[in-house]
N, C-alpha and C. Protein backbone atom coordinates (compact mmCIF):
# COMPACT_ATOMS: atom_id res chain seq x y z
N MET A 1 4.12 6.34 27.40
CA MET A 1 5.30 6.87 26.79
C MET A 1 5.28 8.37 27.17
N TYR A 2 4.96 9.33 26.17
CA TYR A 2 4.93 10.71 26.44
C TYR A 2 3.52 11.22 26.23
N GLN A 3 3.15 12.23 27.06
CA GLN A 3 1.87 12.96 26.85
C GLN A 3 2.12 13.99 25.70
N LEU A 4 1.40 13.93 24.65
CA LEU A 4 1.57 14.87 23.57
C LEU A 4 0.55 15.89 23.46
N ASN A 5 0.80 16.89 22.69
CA ASN A 5 -0.18 17.93 22.38
C ASN A 5 -0.93 17.52 21.04
N LEU A 6 -1.53 16.36 21.14
CA LEU A 6 -2.24 15.73 19.95
C LEU A 6 -3.30 14.83 20.55
N PRO A 7 -4.36 14.56 19.83
CA PRO A 7 -5.35 13.61 20.27
C PRO A 7 -4.77 12.28 20.68
N GLU A 8 -5.36 11.62 21.68
CA GLU A 8 -4.94 10.27 22.02
C GLU A 8 -5.51 9.25 21.04
N TYR A 9 -4.65 8.30 20.70
CA TYR A 9 -5.10 7.22 19.83
C TYR A 9 -4.70 5.93 20.43
N GLN A 10 -5.38 4.83 20.07
CA GLN A 10 -5.02 3.48 20.45
C GLN A 10 -4.10 2.84 19.45
N PHE A 11 -3.07 2.25 19.88
CA PHE A 11 -2.08 1.55 19.00
C PHE A 11 -1.88 0.16 19.45
N LYS A 12 -1.53 -0.68 18.49
CA LYS A 12 -1.10 -2.05 18.77
C LYS A 12 0.43 -1.98 19.16
N ILE A 13 0.68 -2.35 20.37
CA ILE A 13 2.06 -2.33 20.85
C ILE A 13 2.44 -3.76 21.42
N LYS A 14 3.61 -4.15 21.08
CA LYS A 14 4.08 -5.47 21.51
C LYS A 14 5.51 -5.33 22.13
N LYS A 15 5.82 -6.21 23.01
CA LYS A 15 7.16 -6.30 23.65
C LYS A 15 7.88 -7.51 23.18
N GLN A 16 9.11 -7.31 22.71
CA GLN A 16 9.91 -8.41 22.24
C GLN A 16 11.39 -8.15 22.68
N ASN A 17 11.92 -9.14 23.40
CA ASN A 17 13.31 -8.99 23.91
C ASN A 17 13.52 -7.66 24.62
N GLU A 18 12.66 -7.36 25.49
CA GLU A 18 12.82 -6.11 26.34
C GLU A 18 12.67 -4.83 25.54
N ARG A 19 12.26 -4.93 24.23
CA ARG A 19 12.05 -3.72 23.44
C ARG A 19 10.54 -3.63 23.06
N PHE A 20 10.07 -2.39 22.89
CA PHE A 20 8.65 -2.24 22.52
C PHE A 20 8.55 -1.87 21.03
N PHE A 21 7.51 -2.38 20.44
CA PHE A 21 7.25 -2.07 19.00
C PHE A 21 5.80 -1.61 18.88
N VAL A 22 5.56 -0.76 17.87
CA VAL A 22 4.24 -0.26 17.56
C VAL A 22 3.91 -0.60 16.17
N PHE A 23 2.62 -1.03 15.95
CA PHE A 23 2.24 -1.31 14.58
C PHE A 23 1.93 -0.08 13.84
N ASP A 24 2.63 0.14 12.73
CA ASP A 24 2.57 1.26 11.88
C ASP A 24 1.46 0.98 10.79
N GLN A 25 0.37 1.63 10.80
CA GLN A 25 -0.66 1.33 9.82
C GLN A 25 -0.26 1.73 8.38
N GLN A 26 0.53 2.71 8.30
CA GLN A 26 0.95 3.13 6.96
C GLN A 26 2.00 2.10 6.38
N ARG A 27 2.94 1.66 7.12
CA ARG A 27 3.93 0.73 6.62
C ARG A 27 3.47 -0.77 6.75
N LYS A 28 2.35 -0.99 7.46
CA LYS A 28 1.80 -2.33 7.66
C LYS A 28 2.71 -3.27 8.34
N ARG A 29 3.51 -2.80 9.35
CA ARG A 29 4.41 -3.62 10.06
C ARG A 29 4.75 -2.97 11.39
N TYR A 30 5.30 -3.81 12.31
CA TYR A 30 5.71 -3.29 13.57
C TYR A 30 7.08 -2.58 13.44
N VAL A 31 7.27 -1.50 14.13
CA VAL A 31 8.49 -0.74 14.12
C VAL A 31 8.85 -0.43 15.57
N ALA A 32 10.20 -0.20 15.78
CA ALA A 32 10.63 0.13 17.15
C ALA A 32 9.93 1.36 17.68
N LEU A 33 9.49 1.23 18.92
CA LEU A 33 8.77 2.34 19.54
C LEU A 33 9.75 3.28 20.25
N THR A 34 10.27 4.22 19.54
CA THR A 34 11.12 5.22 20.07
C THR A 34 10.30 6.54 20.38
N PRO A 35 10.78 7.48 21.14
CA PRO A 35 10.06 8.69 21.40
C PRO A 35 9.71 9.41 20.07
N GLU A 36 10.59 9.38 19.09
CA GLU A 36 10.30 10.11 17.76
C GLU A 36 9.16 9.26 17.11
N GLU A 37 9.27 7.98 17.10
CA GLU A 37 8.18 7.17 16.48
C GLU A 37 6.82 7.38 17.13
N TRP A 38 6.86 7.56 18.48
CA TRP A 38 5.58 7.88 19.13
C TRP A 38 4.94 9.14 18.58
N VAL A 39 5.73 10.17 18.38
CA VAL A 39 5.30 11.40 17.81
C VAL A 39 4.80 11.15 16.33
N ARG A 40 5.54 10.45 15.59
CA ARG A 40 5.23 10.20 14.16
C ARG A 40 3.88 9.48 14.15
N GLN A 41 3.66 8.47 14.86
CA GLN A 41 2.40 7.64 14.88
C GLN A 41 1.23 8.58 15.26
N HIS A 42 1.38 9.39 16.24
CA HIS A 42 0.24 10.30 16.66
C HIS A 42 0.04 11.32 15.60
N PHE A 43 1.04 11.98 15.05
CA PHE A 43 0.93 13.00 14.13
C PHE A 43 0.28 12.53 12.84
N ILE A 44 0.72 11.42 12.35
CA ILE A 44 0.18 10.84 11.10
C ILE A 44 -1.33 10.52 11.29
N ARG A 45 -1.67 9.86 12.41
CA ARG A 45 -3.09 9.63 12.69
C ARG A 45 -3.86 10.95 12.73
N PHE A 46 -3.31 11.94 13.39
CA PHE A 46 -3.97 13.25 13.46
C PHE A 46 -4.24 13.79 12.12
N LEU A 47 -3.25 13.74 11.19
CA LEU A 47 -3.41 14.19 9.84
C LEU A 47 -4.49 13.48 9.12
N ILE A 48 -4.53 12.21 9.27
CA ILE A 48 -5.46 11.32 8.52
C ILE A 48 -6.89 11.45 9.15
N GLU A 49 -6.90 11.24 10.42
CA GLU A 49 -8.24 11.17 11.10
C GLU A 49 -8.90 12.47 11.37
N GLU A 50 -8.14 13.45 11.77
CA GLU A 50 -8.73 14.73 12.19
C GLU A 50 -8.68 15.78 11.01
N MET A 51 -7.60 15.73 10.24
CA MET A 51 -7.41 16.75 9.26
C MET A 51 -7.64 16.33 7.82
N ASN A 52 -8.11 15.08 7.67
CA ASN A 52 -8.57 14.52 6.34
C ASN A 52 -7.51 14.40 5.24
N TYR A 53 -6.16 14.24 5.74
CA TYR A 53 -5.18 13.99 4.69
C TYR A 53 -5.29 12.54 4.26
N PRO A 54 -5.24 12.26 2.96
CA PRO A 54 -5.36 10.90 2.48
C PRO A 54 -4.18 10.04 2.80
N ALA A 55 -4.47 8.95 3.55
CA ALA A 55 -3.40 8.03 3.90
C ALA A 55 -2.66 7.48 2.71
N SER A 56 -3.32 7.36 1.59
CA SER A 56 -2.71 6.76 0.41
C SER A 56 -1.67 7.71 -0.22
N LEU A 57 -1.64 9.04 0.14
CA LEU A 57 -0.68 9.92 -0.42
C LEU A 57 0.46 10.29 0.53
N LEU A 58 0.46 9.67 1.70
CA LEU A 58 1.56 9.86 2.69
C LEU A 58 2.52 8.68 2.62
N ALA A 59 3.81 9.07 2.44
CA ALA A 59 4.89 8.07 2.40
C ALA A 59 5.71 8.31 3.65
N ILE A 60 5.94 7.21 4.42
CA ILE A 60 6.73 7.24 5.66
C ILE A 60 8.19 6.84 5.35
N GLU A 61 9.10 7.61 5.96
CA GLU A 61 10.54 7.38 5.77
C GLU A 61 10.90 7.32 4.24
N HIS A 62 10.51 8.27 3.54
CA HIS A 62 10.70 8.40 2.08
C HIS A 62 12.21 8.61 1.82
N GLN A 63 12.78 7.70 1.13
CA GLN A 63 14.30 7.83 0.88
C GLN A 63 14.51 8.66 -0.42
N ILE A 64 15.51 9.58 -0.22
CA ILE A 64 15.99 10.42 -1.35
C ILE A 64 17.50 10.27 -1.52
N ASP A 65 18.01 10.44 -2.68
CA ASP A 65 19.38 10.51 -2.94
C ASP A 65 19.90 11.94 -3.09
N LEU A 66 20.81 12.37 -2.23
CA LEU A 66 21.21 13.73 -2.19
C LEU A 66 22.71 13.81 -2.12
N ASN A 67 23.31 14.23 -3.20
CA ASN A 67 24.79 14.27 -3.24
C ASN A 67 25.47 12.93 -3.01
N ASN A 68 24.91 11.89 -3.67
CA ASN A 68 25.35 10.52 -3.52
C ASN A 68 25.17 10.00 -2.13
N MET A 69 24.39 10.59 -1.35
CA MET A 69 24.06 10.10 0.00
C MET A 69 22.56 9.81 0.11
N LYS A 70 22.27 8.70 0.82
CA LYS A 70 20.85 8.29 0.96
C LYS A 70 20.39 9.04 2.24
N LYS A 71 19.28 9.74 2.14
CA LYS A 71 18.63 10.44 3.21
C LYS A 71 17.17 9.94 3.35
N ARG A 72 16.56 10.08 4.52
CA ARG A 72 15.23 9.68 4.67
C ARG A 72 14.42 10.84 5.23
N CYS A 73 13.42 11.23 4.56
CA CYS A 73 12.40 12.27 5.04
C CYS A 73 11.46 11.40 5.99
N ASP A 74 11.19 11.97 7.15
CA ASP A 74 10.26 11.23 8.04
C ASP A 74 8.90 10.93 7.34
N ALA A 75 8.37 11.89 6.66
CA ALA A 75 7.09 11.59 5.87
C ALA A 75 7.09 12.67 4.71
N VAL A 76 6.45 12.29 3.68
CA VAL A 76 6.19 13.14 2.54
C VAL A 76 4.80 12.97 2.05
N LEU A 77 4.13 14.03 1.83
CA LEU A 77 2.77 14.03 1.22
C LEU A 77 2.90 14.23 -0.30
N PHE A 78 2.38 13.39 -1.01
CA PHE A 78 2.37 13.48 -2.51
C PHE A 78 0.99 13.95 -3.03
N ASN A 79 0.97 14.42 -4.19
CA ASN A 79 -0.39 14.70 -4.81
C ASN A 79 -0.75 13.54 -5.65
N ASN A 80 -1.86 13.64 -6.29
CA ASN A 80 -2.41 12.54 -7.11
C ASN A 80 -1.54 12.17 -8.30
N TYR A 81 -0.60 12.98 -8.66
CA TYR A 81 0.29 12.74 -9.78
C TYR A 81 1.68 12.30 -9.31
N ALA A 82 1.79 11.83 -8.04
CA ALA A 82 3.02 11.34 -7.43
C ALA A 82 4.11 12.39 -7.29
N ASN A 83 3.75 13.64 -7.26
CA ASN A 83 4.67 14.77 -7.00
C ASN A 83 4.62 15.17 -5.52
N PRO A 84 5.77 15.40 -4.95
CA PRO A 84 5.74 15.79 -3.50
C PRO A 84 5.21 17.18 -3.32
N ASN A 85 4.35 17.34 -2.32
CA ASN A 85 3.87 18.67 -1.92
C ASN A 85 4.25 19.16 -0.52
N LEU A 86 4.71 18.17 0.29
CA LEU A 86 4.91 18.59 1.68
C LEU A 86 5.94 17.59 2.32
N ILE A 87 6.88 18.17 3.04
CA ILE A 87 7.81 17.32 3.86
C ILE A 87 7.47 17.43 5.36
N ILE A 88 7.38 16.38 6.00
CA ILE A 88 7.08 16.37 7.45
C ILE A 88 8.30 15.79 8.24
N GLU A 89 8.75 16.60 9.16
CA GLU A 89 9.86 16.15 10.01
C GLU A 89 9.38 15.99 11.47
N PHE A 90 9.72 14.85 12.03
CA PHE A 90 9.39 14.62 13.50
C PHE A 90 10.62 14.51 14.39
N LYS A 91 10.46 15.04 15.60
CA LYS A 91 11.48 14.95 16.61
C LYS A 91 10.84 14.39 17.85
N ALA A 92 11.58 13.85 18.78
CA ALA A 92 11.16 13.35 20.03
C ALA A 92 10.66 14.56 20.85
N PRO A 93 9.76 14.33 21.77
CA PRO A 93 9.23 15.45 22.60
C PRO A 93 10.27 16.25 23.35
N ASN A 94 11.41 15.57 23.66
CA ASN A 94 12.45 16.35 24.45
C ASN A 94 13.41 17.07 23.56
N VAL A 95 13.18 17.01 22.22
CA VAL A 95 14.06 17.71 21.31
C VAL A 95 13.36 19.04 20.84
N PRO A 96 13.96 20.12 21.13
CA PRO A 96 13.24 21.42 20.81
C PRO A 96 13.30 21.66 19.32
N ILE A 97 12.27 22.30 18.78
CA ILE A 97 12.22 22.61 17.42
C ILE A 97 13.01 23.97 17.26
N THR A 98 14.14 23.79 16.56
CA THR A 98 15.07 24.99 16.46
C THR A 98 15.22 25.19 14.96
N GLN A 99 16.06 26.22 14.57
CA GLN A 99 16.39 26.58 13.22
C GLN A 99 17.06 25.34 12.60
N LYS A 100 17.81 24.59 13.39
CA LYS A 100 18.63 23.37 12.88
C LYS A 100 17.55 22.40 12.28
N VAL A 101 16.44 22.22 12.91
CA VAL A 101 15.44 21.31 12.43
C VAL A 101 14.91 21.77 11.07
N PHE A 102 14.62 23.05 10.93
CA PHE A 102 14.11 23.64 9.71
C PHE A 102 15.22 23.47 8.60
N ASP A 103 16.45 23.69 8.99
CA ASP A 103 17.57 23.57 8.02
C ASP A 103 17.65 22.12 7.51
N GLN A 104 17.46 21.19 8.45
CA GLN A 104 17.42 19.71 8.04
C GLN A 104 16.41 19.47 6.90
N VAL A 105 15.20 20.06 7.11
CA VAL A 105 14.11 19.85 6.13
C VAL A 105 14.51 20.61 4.83
N ALA A 106 15.10 21.74 4.97
CA ALA A 106 15.51 22.54 3.78
C ALA A 106 16.55 21.69 2.84
N VAL A 107 17.38 20.91 3.59
CA VAL A 107 18.30 20.08 2.83
C VAL A 107 17.57 19.10 1.98
N TYR A 108 16.54 18.41 2.64
CA TYR A 108 15.65 17.49 1.92
C TYR A 108 15.04 18.16 0.75
N ASN A 109 14.61 19.45 0.94
CA ASN A 109 13.85 20.10 -0.08
C ASN A 109 14.68 20.48 -1.35
N VAL A 110 16.04 20.47 -1.14
CA VAL A 110 16.87 20.63 -2.42
C VAL A 110 16.51 19.62 -3.41
N LYS A 111 16.19 18.38 -2.96
CA LYS A 111 15.82 17.35 -3.89
C LYS A 111 14.35 17.33 -4.22
N LEU A 112 13.47 17.57 -3.19
CA LEU A 112 12.03 17.36 -3.45
C LEU A 112 11.38 18.62 -3.98
N ASN A 113 11.92 19.81 -3.60
CA ASN A 113 11.32 21.09 -4.13
C ASN A 113 9.87 21.22 -3.79
N VAL A 114 9.48 21.07 -2.50
CA VAL A 114 8.09 21.26 -2.14
C VAL A 114 7.87 22.63 -1.71
N GLN A 115 6.55 23.03 -1.58
CA GLN A 115 6.13 24.34 -1.20
C GLN A 115 5.93 24.52 0.32
N PHE A 116 5.80 23.30 1.03
CA PHE A 116 5.39 23.34 2.39
C PHE A 116 6.26 22.32 3.28
N PHE A 117 6.42 22.75 4.47
CA PHE A 117 7.01 21.83 5.53
C PHE A 117 6.09 21.79 6.65
N MET A 118 6.11 20.64 7.40
CA MET A 118 5.50 20.55 8.72
C MET A 118 6.58 20.00 9.68
N VAL A 119 6.63 20.41 10.83
CA VAL A 119 7.59 19.97 11.84
C VAL A 119 6.84 19.82 13.18
N SER A 120 7.12 18.68 13.85
CA SER A 120 6.46 18.50 15.17
C SER A 120 7.38 17.65 16.06
N ASN A 121 7.31 17.99 17.29
CA ASN A 121 7.93 17.17 18.31
C ASN A 121 6.84 16.53 19.24
N GLY A 122 5.65 16.62 18.76
CA GLY A 122 4.52 16.20 19.57
C GLY A 122 3.91 17.19 20.53
N LEU A 123 4.71 18.16 20.83
CA LEU A 123 4.28 19.26 21.75
C LEU A 123 4.06 20.50 20.99
N GLU A 124 4.94 20.85 20.04
CA GLU A 124 4.88 22.04 19.20
C GLU A 124 4.75 21.46 17.78
N HIS A 125 3.87 22.15 16.98
CA HIS A 125 3.69 21.80 15.61
C HIS A 125 3.75 23.07 14.73
N TYR A 126 4.43 22.94 13.63
CA TYR A 126 4.57 24.14 12.71
C TYR A 126 4.32 23.71 11.32
N CYS A 127 3.65 24.54 10.58
CA CYS A 127 3.48 24.36 9.16
C CYS A 127 3.91 25.69 8.53
N CYS A 128 4.74 25.56 7.46
CA CYS A 128 5.21 26.76 6.87
C CYS A 128 5.31 26.62 5.34
N ARG A 129 5.18 27.72 4.69
CA ARG A 129 5.27 27.83 3.24
C ARG A 129 6.73 28.15 2.88
N VAL A 130 7.29 27.53 1.96
CA VAL A 130 8.71 27.82 1.61
C VAL A 130 8.65 29.07 0.61
N ASP A 131 9.41 30.07 1.00
CA ASP A 131 9.61 31.23 0.16
C ASP A 131 11.00 31.14 -0.41
N THR A 132 11.12 30.51 -1.51
CA THR A 132 12.45 30.31 -2.11
C THR A 132 13.12 31.58 -2.62
N LYS A 133 12.22 32.53 -3.09
CA LYS A 133 12.74 33.73 -3.60
C LYS A 133 13.46 34.60 -2.51
N ASN A 134 12.89 34.57 -1.33
CA ASN A 134 13.54 35.36 -0.22
C ASN A 134 14.27 34.49 0.79
N ALA A 135 14.45 33.18 0.56
CA ALA A 135 15.16 32.27 1.37
C ALA A 135 14.64 32.29 2.84
N ARG A 136 13.31 32.14 2.93
CA ARG A 136 12.75 32.14 4.27
C ARG A 136 11.53 31.19 4.27
N TYR A 137 10.92 31.01 5.41
CA TYR A 137 9.70 30.27 5.68
C TYR A 137 8.63 31.18 6.17
N ASP A 138 7.47 31.13 5.59
CA ASP A 138 6.30 31.87 6.14
C ASP A 138 5.48 30.93 6.89
N PHE A 139 5.29 31.15 8.18
CA PHE A 139 4.53 30.20 9.05
C PHE A 139 3.10 30.39 8.94
N LEU A 140 2.34 29.32 8.83
CA LEU A 140 0.91 29.39 8.82
C LEU A 140 0.45 29.36 10.33
N PRO A 141 -0.75 29.94 10.57
CA PRO A 141 -1.22 30.03 11.92
C PRO A 141 -1.43 28.67 12.62
N ASP A 142 -1.76 27.71 11.81
CA ASP A 142 -2.01 26.34 12.39
C ASP A 142 -1.82 25.22 11.29
N ILE A 143 -1.94 24.05 11.60
CA ILE A 143 -1.97 22.94 10.63
C ILE A 143 -3.26 22.97 9.87
N PRO A 144 -3.15 23.14 8.53
CA PRO A 144 -4.52 23.30 7.82
C PRO A 144 -5.06 21.88 7.56
N LYS A 145 -6.42 21.88 7.50
CA LYS A 145 -7.15 20.67 7.01
C LYS A 145 -6.69 20.43 5.58
N TYR A 146 -6.83 19.17 5.12
CA TYR A 146 -6.31 18.86 3.80
C TYR A 146 -6.98 19.70 2.66
N GLU A 147 -8.34 19.92 2.76
CA GLU A 147 -8.98 20.68 1.69
C GLU A 147 -8.50 22.14 1.79
N ASP A 148 -8.09 22.70 2.95
CA ASP A 148 -7.54 24.05 2.97
C ASP A 148 -6.11 23.99 2.45
N PHE A 149 -5.35 22.99 2.74
CA PHE A 149 -4.03 22.83 2.30
C PHE A 149 -4.03 22.89 0.78
N LEU A 150 -4.93 22.15 0.16
CA LEU A 150 -5.03 22.09 -1.34
C LEU A 150 -5.21 23.55 -1.96
N LYS A 151 -5.90 24.32 -1.26
CA LYS A 151 -6.15 25.76 -1.71
C LYS A 151 -4.92 26.60 -1.65
N LEU A 152 -3.98 26.20 -0.80
CA LEU A 152 -2.70 26.98 -0.64
C LEU A 152 -1.65 26.65 -1.64
N ILE A 153 -1.74 25.51 -2.33
CA ILE A 153 -0.82 25.07 -3.26
C ILE A 153 -0.96 25.89 -4.54
N ILE A 154 0.14 26.41 -5.02
CA ILE A 154 0.19 27.24 -6.18
C ILE A 154 0.38 26.39 -7.41
């Protein structure tokens, strides 16, 4: 598929009716293997296996209701009390990470009210703290390990 700026992982992939599907360990089922899904699968594995984020606290395609419209966050990290702490947005590798992408996450955050966003297209990865008082994002230098992420939460 695409060479990403993430560790390489082995995935279960199958072909059905000329379409490819990848087994999603989080959702426990095969899903269509799109370029964005390729990024999601790698980034989630990276968070779990390299950065020690608990798989049990990550929800994939978390649905929210916003102004009577159903929206789906690509991934949301919850805390042990089922409160959201982080929204993660994925894009295909050929989709640049622009202000529009951060604005999309900000719309989701109207409902979830998290302190942090992560955004990745598999080539570029960003983690930022939401500064609601000043209506901006403060970018972290890198993706923090889970234990360091916990220290950042106020």
